[in-house]
Amino acid sequence: MTLAPYATQASQTRGRLYAEKSCSTRSDFQRDRDRIIHSAAFRRLEYKTQVFINHEGDHYRTRLTHSLEVGQLTRSMCRYLQLDEDLGEALALAHDLGHTPFGHAGEDGLREVMQELGGFDHNAQALRILTSLEHRYAQFDGLNLTWETLEGIAKHNGPILGEVPFAIAQYIEKHDLEIKTFAGLEAQVAAIADDIAYNNHDVEDGIRAGFFGLDELADLPLVGEVLHAVDNAYPNLDARRRVHEVVRRIINLLVADVLTQTQQNIAEYNIKSVEDVRNVGKQLVHFSDNVVAYNRELKAFLKERMYRHYKVNRMTSKARRVVRELFTFFINEPDCLPTEWKEQAENAEKFAKARLVADFIAGMTDRFALQEHRRVFDVWDKEY
């Protein structure tokens, strides 16, 4: 497929921190995507929370299934806009690699204990994983991804204009990612695909969990219209298919809205190159005003009826406590870390040791974190 002039061109990549020969069968962005898929951090997403802790049920989304859904949406939108699909997909698949166990609750717990020790941010942690913590290759730590992929990971939510998270600040000392400009369109598409996926799929999971019914969403903008159209077209549809049909149609409408708005923005700002994208000073991939209002109301509904539901509150409270207690235990007793981590902690100063313990905990799956907590705090547990 011929790419648009404002797409990020793999043939014009700024390269990798450590020089490598090009592959004869794949572009540099294809190689980035493949390295992400084969990473240990990507595999662990299968057992990391989206909203519901993994053992709550087999049908709820995990970080892995969410990332695959974001990848599919990103690839479809990139193709329509004539952007590089492989770069977009790589960014979508990597965007959640830095999440702790138990989702945002686990991150809140880790951020709290790291507040005076350099802080913690899951976006920055994803960059840290990709550039340092993955140990697969003989020549370097990390995955040695292209500049464009790392740029997109660091700032897919926009330029970093305030305080720079520790992991990003550390990395850009040796590899400038130009964090004060916008990322390319592929990164912007991946970011909005994330919004589309998690908002609407959380609706599906919330209904499955019994937190609310589909008809309770009928007063929200857009949902009511779609629900009315589905009921008119399929008056006897069973409840499960009815939910899926409504969610599917809403996702299609949101994608169409983004594509139309983005094309208008590209024309309005006369975007001719990827450098124009980075320097225009505005996000180019976004929803129309009407859809922004819909998303705002949907997020408010989900916050009240799902994210603050007492069952979710119980899970998140336990998750924060598990993460905080594990951190305190390992920072005070680093000799109890697994051998590889223990050896690194032996001669580390205070801040380096805290970062090491944070890396160890952030990499855990929900299941492993609960197992570790039981091992170190249950005096009767015989599994060490």
Protein backbone atom coordinates (compact mmCIF):
# COMPACT_ATOMS: atom_id res chain seq x y z
CA MET A 1 0.00 0.00 0.00
CA THR A 2 1.24 3.48 -0.84
CA LEU A 3 1.54 5.56 2.31
CA ALA A 4 0.41 9.16 2.67
CA PRO A 5 3.18 11.80 2.70
CA TYR A 6 2.48 12.51 6.38
CA ALA A 7 2.85 8.84 7.37
CA THR A 8 5.95 7.66 9.22
CA GLN A 9 8.12 5.97 6.60
CA ALA A 10 10.02 2.86 7.71
CA SER A 11 12.58 3.52 4.95
CA GLN A 12 13.39 6.86 6.61
CA THR A 13 13.64 5.63 10.19
CA ARG A 14 16.08 7.42 12.46
CA GLY A 15 17.39 4.00 13.37
CA ARG A 16 18.13 2.18 16.61
CA LEU A 17 20.32 3.12 19.56
CA TYR A 18 22.53 0.13 18.72
CA ALA A 19 23.09 -0.21 14.98
CA GLU A 20 21.79 -3.41 13.38
CA LYS A 21 21.66 -4.71 9.84
CA SER A 22 18.27 -4.35 8.16
CA CYS A 23 16.17 -7.47 7.68
CA SER A 24 15.67 -8.64 4.09
CA THR A 25 12.09 -9.81 4.65
CA ARG A 26 10.62 -7.29 7.13
CA SER A 27 10.60 -3.55 7.56
CA ASP A 28 12.13 -2.06 10.70
CA PHE A 29 8.67 -1.42 12.13
CA GLN A 30 7.62 -5.02 11.46
CA ARG A 31 10.68 -6.17 13.39
CA ASP A 32 9.72 -3.87 16.27
CA ARG A 33 6.23 -5.34 16.40
CA ASP A 34 7.57 -8.89 16.29
CA ARG A 35 10.08 -8.22 19.08
CA ILE A 36 7.28 -6.83 21.24
CA ILE A 37 5.08 -9.89 20.64
CA HIS A 38 7.95 -12.26 21.55
CA SER A 39 8.88 -10.37 24.72
CA ALA A 40 8.32 -11.80 28.19
CA ALA A 41 6.51 -8.61 29.22
CA PHE A 42 3.93 -9.10 26.46
CA ARG A 43 3.23 -12.69 27.50
CA ARG A 44 2.68 -11.60 31.09
CA LEU A 45 -0.19 -9.32 30.02
CA GLU A 46 -2.36 -12.46 29.84
CA TYR A 47 -2.50 -12.51 33.64
CA LYS A 48 -2.67 -8.77 34.34
CA THR A 49 -5.88 -6.99 35.29
CA GLN A 50 -7.90 -4.78 32.97
CA VAL A 51 -10.71 -4.14 35.48
CA PHE A 52 -11.33 -7.58 36.98
CA ILE A 53 -8.51 -9.54 38.62
CA ASN A 54 -7.66 -12.55 36.47
CA HIS A 55 -9.22 -15.21 38.71
CA GLU A 56 -12.60 -13.42 38.75
CA GLY A 57 -13.60 -15.13 35.49
CA ASP A 58 -12.38 -16.38 32.13
CA HIS A 59 -14.59 -14.12 30.02
CA TYR A 60 -13.43 -10.74 31.29
CA ARG A 61 -10.79 -8.83 29.39
CA THR A 62 -7.18 -8.93 30.50
CA ARG A 63 -4.39 -6.53 29.53
CA LEU A 64 -3.45 -8.97 26.77
CA THR A 65 -6.87 -9.25 25.14
CA HIS A 66 -7.31 -5.49 25.51
CA SER A 67 -3.96 -4.87 23.80
CA LEU A 68 -4.91 -7.17 20.92
CA GLU A 69 -8.21 -5.32 20.48
CA VAL A 70 -6.40 -1.97 20.48
CA GLY A 71 -3.96 -3.39 17.92
CA GLN A 72 -6.80 -4.41 15.61
CA LEU A 73 -8.48 -1.00 15.82
CA THR A 74 -5.18 0.80 15.30
CA ARG A 75 -4.27 -1.26 12.28
CA SER A 76 -7.66 -0.68 10.66
CA MET A 77 -7.55 3.09 11.20
CA CYS A 78 -3.94 3.34 10.03
CA ARG A 79 -4.81 1.51 6.83
CA TYR A 80 -7.70 3.87 6.10
CA LEU A 81 -5.54 6.94 6.73
CA GLN A 82 -2.66 5.45 4.71
CA LEU A 83 -0.33 5.36 7.69
CA ASP A 84 2.21 2.69 8.58
CA GLU A 85 0.10 -0.15 10.00
CA ASP A 86 3.07 -2.03 11.45
CA LEU A 87 4.26 0.94 13.49
CA GLY A 88 0.74 1.62 14.71
CA GLU A 89 0.26 -2.01 15.70
CA ALA A 90 3.62 -2.13 17.49
CA LEU A 91 2.66 0.91 19.56
CA ALA A 92 -0.78 -0.51 20.35
CA LEU A 93 0.63 -3.86 21.48
CA ALA A 94 3.28 -2.19 23.66
CA HIS A 95 1.24 0.59 25.21
CA ASP A 96 0.28 -1.38 28.37
CA LEU A 97 3.53 -3.27 28.96
CA GLY A 98 4.40 -1.04 31.93
CA HIS A 99 1.23 -1.78 33.90
CA THR A 100 1.63 -3.30 37.33
CA PRO A 101 -0.38 -6.27 38.56
CA PHE A 102 -4.00 -5.36 39.40
CA GLY A 103 -4.14 -2.53 36.86
CA HIS A 104 -4.48 1.06 38.02
CA ALA A 105 -4.99 -0.03 41.64
CA GLY A 106 -1.58 -1.69 41.67
CA GLU A 107 -0.05 1.36 40.03
CA ASP A 108 -1.58 3.61 42.69
CA GLY A 109 -0.01 1.45 45.39
CA LEU A 110 3.40 1.45 43.74
CA ARG A 111 3.28 5.19 43.02
CA GLU A 112 2.48 5.83 46.69
CA VAL A 113 5.51 3.94 48.02
CA MET A 114 7.77 5.36 45.30
CA GLN A 115 6.65 8.97 45.80
CA GLU A 116 9.90 10.07 47.45
CA LEU A 117 12.04 7.61 45.49
CA GLY A 118 11.67 8.78 41.90
CA GLY A 119 7.97 8.04 41.40
CA PHE A 120 6.28 5.46 39.19
CA ASP A 121 4.41 5.88 35.90
CA HIS A 122 3.22 2.95 33.77
CA ASN A 123 3.89 4.74 30.46
CA ALA A 124 7.47 5.43 31.50
CA GLN A 125 7.76 1.88 32.80
CA ALA A 126 6.83 0.56 29.35
CA LEU A 127 9.77 2.48 27.91
CA ARG A 128 12.01 1.11 30.66
CA ILE A 129 10.96 -2.45 29.83
CA LEU A 130 11.59 -1.97 26.11
CA THR A 131 14.97 -0.29 26.55
CA SER A 132 16.41 -1.99 29.61
CA LEU A 133 14.52 -4.71 31.46
CA GLU A 134 13.96 -7.22 28.66
CA HIS A 135 17.05 -9.46 28.50
CA ARG A 136 16.83 -11.45 25.27
CA TYR A 137 19.58 -10.31 22.96
CA ALA A 138 23.32 -10.91 23.17
CA GLN A 139 24.30 -7.40 22.00
CA PHE A 140 22.14 -5.17 24.22
CA ASP A 141 19.59 -4.88 27.02
CA GLY A 142 16.02 -4.17 26.00
CA LEU A 143 14.62 -4.76 22.52
CA ASN A 144 16.59 -2.03 20.69
CA LEU A 145 13.50 -0.71 18.92
CA THR A 146 13.53 2.09 16.37
CA TRP A 147 13.50 5.73 17.38
CA GLU A 148 9.96 6.13 16.01
CA THR A 149 8.54 3.29 18.10
CA LEU A 150 10.21 4.52 21.28
CA GLU A 151 9.05 8.07 20.55
CA GLY A 152 5.49 6.82 20.19
CA ILE A 153 5.65 4.88 23.46
CA ALA A 154 7.07 7.84 25.37
CA LYS A 155 4.55 10.42 24.15
CA HIS A 156 1.56 8.68 22.56
CA ASN A 157 -0.61 10.68 24.98
CA GLY A 158 0.98 13.93 23.82
CA PRO A 159 4.14 15.97 24.46
CA ILE A 160 5.75 15.76 27.90
CA LEU A 161 5.86 19.40 29.00
CA GLY A 162 5.87 19.14 32.78
CA GLU A 163 7.90 16.92 35.06
CA VAL A 164 9.53 14.13 33.07
CA PRO A 165 9.03 10.65 34.58
CA PHE A 166 12.25 9.06 35.84
CA ALA A 167 12.47 6.24 33.30
CA ILE A 168 11.99 8.59 30.35
CA ALA A 169 14.39 11.20 31.73
CA GLN A 170 17.02 8.50 32.24
CA TYR A 171 16.68 7.14 28.71
CA ILE A 172 16.63 10.43 26.79
CA GLU A 173 20.02 11.35 28.24
CA LYS A 174 21.50 8.90 25.72
CA HIS A 175 18.77 8.82 23.04
CA ASP A 176 16.82 12.06 22.50
CA LEU A 177 13.15 11.31 21.78
CA GLU A 178 12.18 14.98 21.38
CA ILE A 179 9.57 14.68 24.11
CA LYS A 180 8.23 18.24 23.78
CA THR A 181 6.74 17.66 20.33
CA PHE A 182 3.77 15.54 19.32
CA ALA A 183 4.35 11.97 18.20
CA GLY A 184 3.58 10.77 14.69
CA LEU A 185 0.04 10.01 13.56
CA GLU A 186 0.48 6.27 14.14
CA ALA A 187 1.04 6.89 17.86
CA GLN A 188 -1.92 9.26 18.01
CA VAL A 189 -4.12 6.63 16.37
CA ALA A 190 -2.96 3.97 18.87
CA ALA A 191 -3.81 6.29 21.77
CA ILE A 192 -7.37 6.96 20.60
CA ALA A 193 -7.89 3.29 19.73
CA ASP A 194 -7.06 2.57 23.38
CA ASP A 195 -9.83 4.98 24.47
CA ILE A 196 -12.36 3.43 22.09
CA ALA A 197 -11.52 -0.11 23.16
CA TYR A 198 -11.45 0.24 26.92
CA ASN A 199 -14.52 2.49 27.27
CA ASN A 200 -16.80 0.33 25.18
CA HIS A 201 -15.46 -3.05 26.18
CA ASP A 202 -15.73 -2.03 29.84
CA VAL A 203 -19.44 -1.55 29.13
CA GLU A 204 -19.61 -5.16 27.96
CA ASP A 205 -17.67 -6.45 30.97
CA GLY A 206 -19.70 -4.35 33.39
CA ILE A 207 -22.95 -5.78 32.03
CA ARG A 208 -21.52 -9.30 32.20
CA ALA A 209 -20.59 -8.71 35.85
CA GLY A 210 -24.15 -7.58 36.63
CA PHE A 211 -23.15 -4.05 37.70
CA PHE A 212 -25.73 -2.48 35.39
CA GLY A 213 -28.00 -3.33 32.50
CA LEU A 214 -27.82 -2.16 28.89
CA ASP A 215 -31.09 -0.24 29.18
CA GLU A 216 -29.60 1.87 31.97
CA LEU A 217 -27.28 3.39 29.35
CA ALA A 218 -30.16 4.43 27.11
CA ASP A 219 -30.18 8.05 28.28
CA LEU A 220 -26.54 8.58 27.29
CA PRO A 221 -25.89 10.40 24.00
CA LEU A 222 -25.33 7.99 21.11
CA VAL A 223 -26.15 4.84 23.11
CA GLY A 224 -29.88 5.52 23.13
CA GLU A 225 -29.96 6.04 19.37
CA VAL A 226 -27.98 2.88 18.68
CA LEU A 227 -30.05 0.85 21.13
CA HIS A 228 -33.28 2.04 19.50
CA ALA A 229 -31.94 1.12 16.04
CA VAL A 230 -30.88 -2.37 17.19
CA ASP A 231 -34.23 -3.05 18.87
CA ASN A 232 -36.10 -1.94 15.74
CA ALA A 233 -33.95 -4.15 13.50
CA TYR A 234 -33.91 -7.17 15.82
CA PRO A 235 -36.90 -7.00 18.20
CA ASN A 236 -36.44 -10.54 19.54
CA LEU A 237 -32.67 -10.55 19.94
CA ASP A 238 -31.37 -12.39 23.01
CA ALA A 239 -29.66 -10.30 25.70
CA ARG A 240 -26.07 -11.33 24.95
CA ARG A 241 -26.29 -10.62 21.22
CA ARG A 242 -28.15 -7.38 21.92
CA VAL A 243 -25.27 -6.10 24.07
CA HIS A 244 -22.67 -7.11 21.51
CA GLU A 245 -24.59 -5.56 18.62
CA VAL A 246 -24.95 -2.24 20.44
CA VAL A 247 -21.28 -2.13 21.48
CA ARG A 248 -20.13 -3.16 18.00
CA ARG A 249 -22.15 -0.41 16.33
CA ILE A 250 -20.95 2.24 18.78
CA ILE A 251 -17.32 1.29 18.14
CA ASN A 252 -17.91 1.56 14.39
CA LEU A 253 -19.45 5.02 14.85
CA LEU A 254 -16.55 6.20 17.01
CA VAL A 255 -13.97 4.94 14.54
CA ALA A 256 -15.77 6.65 11.66
CA ASP A 257 -15.93 9.88 13.68
CA VAL A 258 -12.18 9.80 14.40
CA LEU A 259 -11.30 9.13 10.79
CA THR A 260 -13.49 11.96 9.49
CA GLN A 261 -12.24 14.44 12.10
CA THR A 262 -8.60 13.49 11.50
CA GLN A 263 -8.90 13.96 7.75
CA GLN A 264 -10.45 17.38 8.32
CA ASN A 265 -7.60 18.32 10.67
CA ILE A 266 -4.94 17.17 8.21
CA ALA A 267 -6.54 19.32 5.50
CA GLU A 268 -7.11 22.33 7.79
CA TYR A 269 -3.51 22.46 9.00
CA ASN A 270 -2.08 21.59 5.59
CA ILE A 271 -0.13 18.59 6.91
CA LYS A 272 2.33 17.41 4.27
CA SER A 273 4.94 15.45 6.21
CA VAL A 274 5.58 13.64 9.49
CA GLU A 275 7.57 16.66 10.64
CA ASP A 276 4.47 18.81 10.09
CA VAL A 277 2.60 16.38 12.37
CA ARG A 278 5.22 16.70 15.11
CA ASN A 279 5.46 20.47 14.95
CA VAL A 280 1.89 21.62 14.32
CA GLY A 281 1.41 22.01 18.07
CA LYS A 282 -1.96 20.24 18.14
CA GLN A 283 -3.30 16.73 18.45
CA LEU A 284 -4.54 15.81 14.99
CA VAL A 285 -6.24 12.52 15.80
CA HIS A 286 -9.25 13.16 18.01
CA PHE A 287 -13.04 12.91 18.21
CA SER A 288 -15.54 15.53 17.08
CA ASP A 289 -17.08 17.71 19.81
CA ASN A 290 -20.27 15.63 19.92
CA VAL A 291 -18.38 12.41 20.51
CA VAL A 292 -16.16 14.05 23.12
CA ALA A 293 -19.35 14.82 25.04
CA TYR A 294 -20.52 11.20 24.68
CA ASN A 295 -17.20 9.86 25.98
CA ARG A 296 -17.27 12.23 28.92
CA GLU A 297 -20.74 11.03 29.97
CA LEU A 298 -19.87 7.37 29.39
CA LYS A 299 -16.74 7.67 31.54
CA ALA A 300 -18.76 9.34 34.29
CA PHE A 301 -21.32 6.52 34.15
CA LEU A 302 -18.64 3.81 34.28
CA LYS A 303 -16.82 5.57 37.11
CA GLU A 304 -19.95 5.65 39.21
CA ARG A 305 -21.52 2.31 38.33
CA MET A 306 -18.47 0.14 37.69
CA TYR A 307 -15.10 1.47 38.82
CA ARG A 308 -16.54 2.53 42.20
CA HIS A 309 -18.76 -0.53 42.65
CA TYR A 310 -18.19 -2.03 46.08
CA LYS A 311 -16.93 -5.31 44.58
CA VAL A 312 -14.35 -3.44 42.49
CA ASN A 313 -13.49 -1.26 45.51
CA ARG A 314 -12.74 -4.40 47.51
CA MET A 315 -10.49 -5.73 44.78
CA THR A 316 -8.65 -2.45 44.35
CA SER A 317 -8.19 -1.96 48.09
CA LYS A 318 -6.68 -5.41 48.42
CA ALA A 319 -4.52 -4.83 45.35
CA ARG A 320 -3.05 -1.60 46.69
CA ARG A 321 -2.37 -3.27 50.01
CA VAL A 322 -0.64 -6.29 48.41
CA VAL A 323 1.61 -4.05 46.30
CA ARG A 324 2.52 -1.74 49.19
CA GLU A 325 3.27 -4.62 51.53
CA LEU A 326 5.40 -6.45 48.98
CA PHE A 327 7.40 -3.28 48.30
CA THR A 328 7.99 -2.61 52.00
CA PHE A 329 9.02 -6.21 52.61
CA PHE A 330 11.53 -6.39 49.75
CA ILE A 331 13.00 -2.91 50.30
CA ASN A 332 13.65 -3.79 53.95
CA GLU A 333 14.75 -7.37 53.28
CA PRO A 334 16.37 -7.46 49.81
CA ASP A 335 17.99 -10.77 50.67
CA CYS A 336 14.54 -12.29 50.18
CA LEU A 337 14.41 -11.25 46.52
CA PRO A 338 14.89 -14.04 43.95
CA THR A 339 18.58 -14.70 43.25
CA GLU A 340 18.96 -12.61 40.08
CA TRP A 341 17.29 -9.59 41.68
CA LYS A 342 19.04 -10.12 45.02
CA GLU A 343 22.46 -9.97 43.36
CA GLN A 344 21.59 -6.65 41.72
CA ALA A 345 20.29 -5.20 45.00
CA GLU A 346 23.33 -6.11 47.10
CA ASN A 347 25.45 -3.08 46.26
CA ALA A 348 22.69 -0.72 45.12
CA GLU A 349 22.21 2.65 46.77
CA LYS A 350 18.82 3.67 48.15
CA PHE A 351 17.20 5.03 44.99
CA ALA A 352 18.60 2.29 42.73
CA LYS A 353 17.39 -0.41 45.13
CA ALA A 354 13.92 1.13 45.25
CA ARG A 355 13.76 1.23 41.46
CA LEU A 356 14.89 -2.39 41.33
CA VAL A 357 12.17 -3.50 43.74
CA ALA A 358 9.60 -1.44 41.80
CA ASP A 359 10.73 -3.13 38.56
CA PHE A 360 10.35 -6.54 40.18
CA ILE A 361 6.86 -5.85 41.48
CA ALA A 362 5.65 -4.02 38.34
CA GLY A 363 6.60 -7.04 36.24
CA MET A 364 4.45 -9.42 38.30
CA THR A 365 1.18 -10.83 37.06
CA ASP A 366 -1.86 -10.70 39.34
CA ARG A 367 -1.45 -14.39 40.09
CA PHE A 368 2.26 -14.19 40.88
CA ALA A 369 1.83 -11.12 43.09
CA LEU A 370 -0.79 -12.93 45.19
CA GLN A 371 1.46 -16.00 45.39
CA GLU A 372 4.45 -13.92 46.48
CA HIS A 373 2.36 -12.14 49.08
CA ARG A 374 1.23 -15.47 50.50
CA ARG A 375 4.78 -16.84 50.49
CA VAL A 376 6.29 -13.96 52.43
CA PHE A 377 3.44 -13.17 54.83
CA ASP A 378 1.75 -16.52 55.50
CA VAL A 379 3.87 -18.16 58.25
CA TRP A 380 2.29 -21.52 57.50
CA ASP A 381 2.98 -21.47 53.77
CA LYS A 382 5.51 -24.16 52.82
CA GLU A 383 6.14 -22.90 49.27
CA TYR A 384 9.15 -20.60 49.14
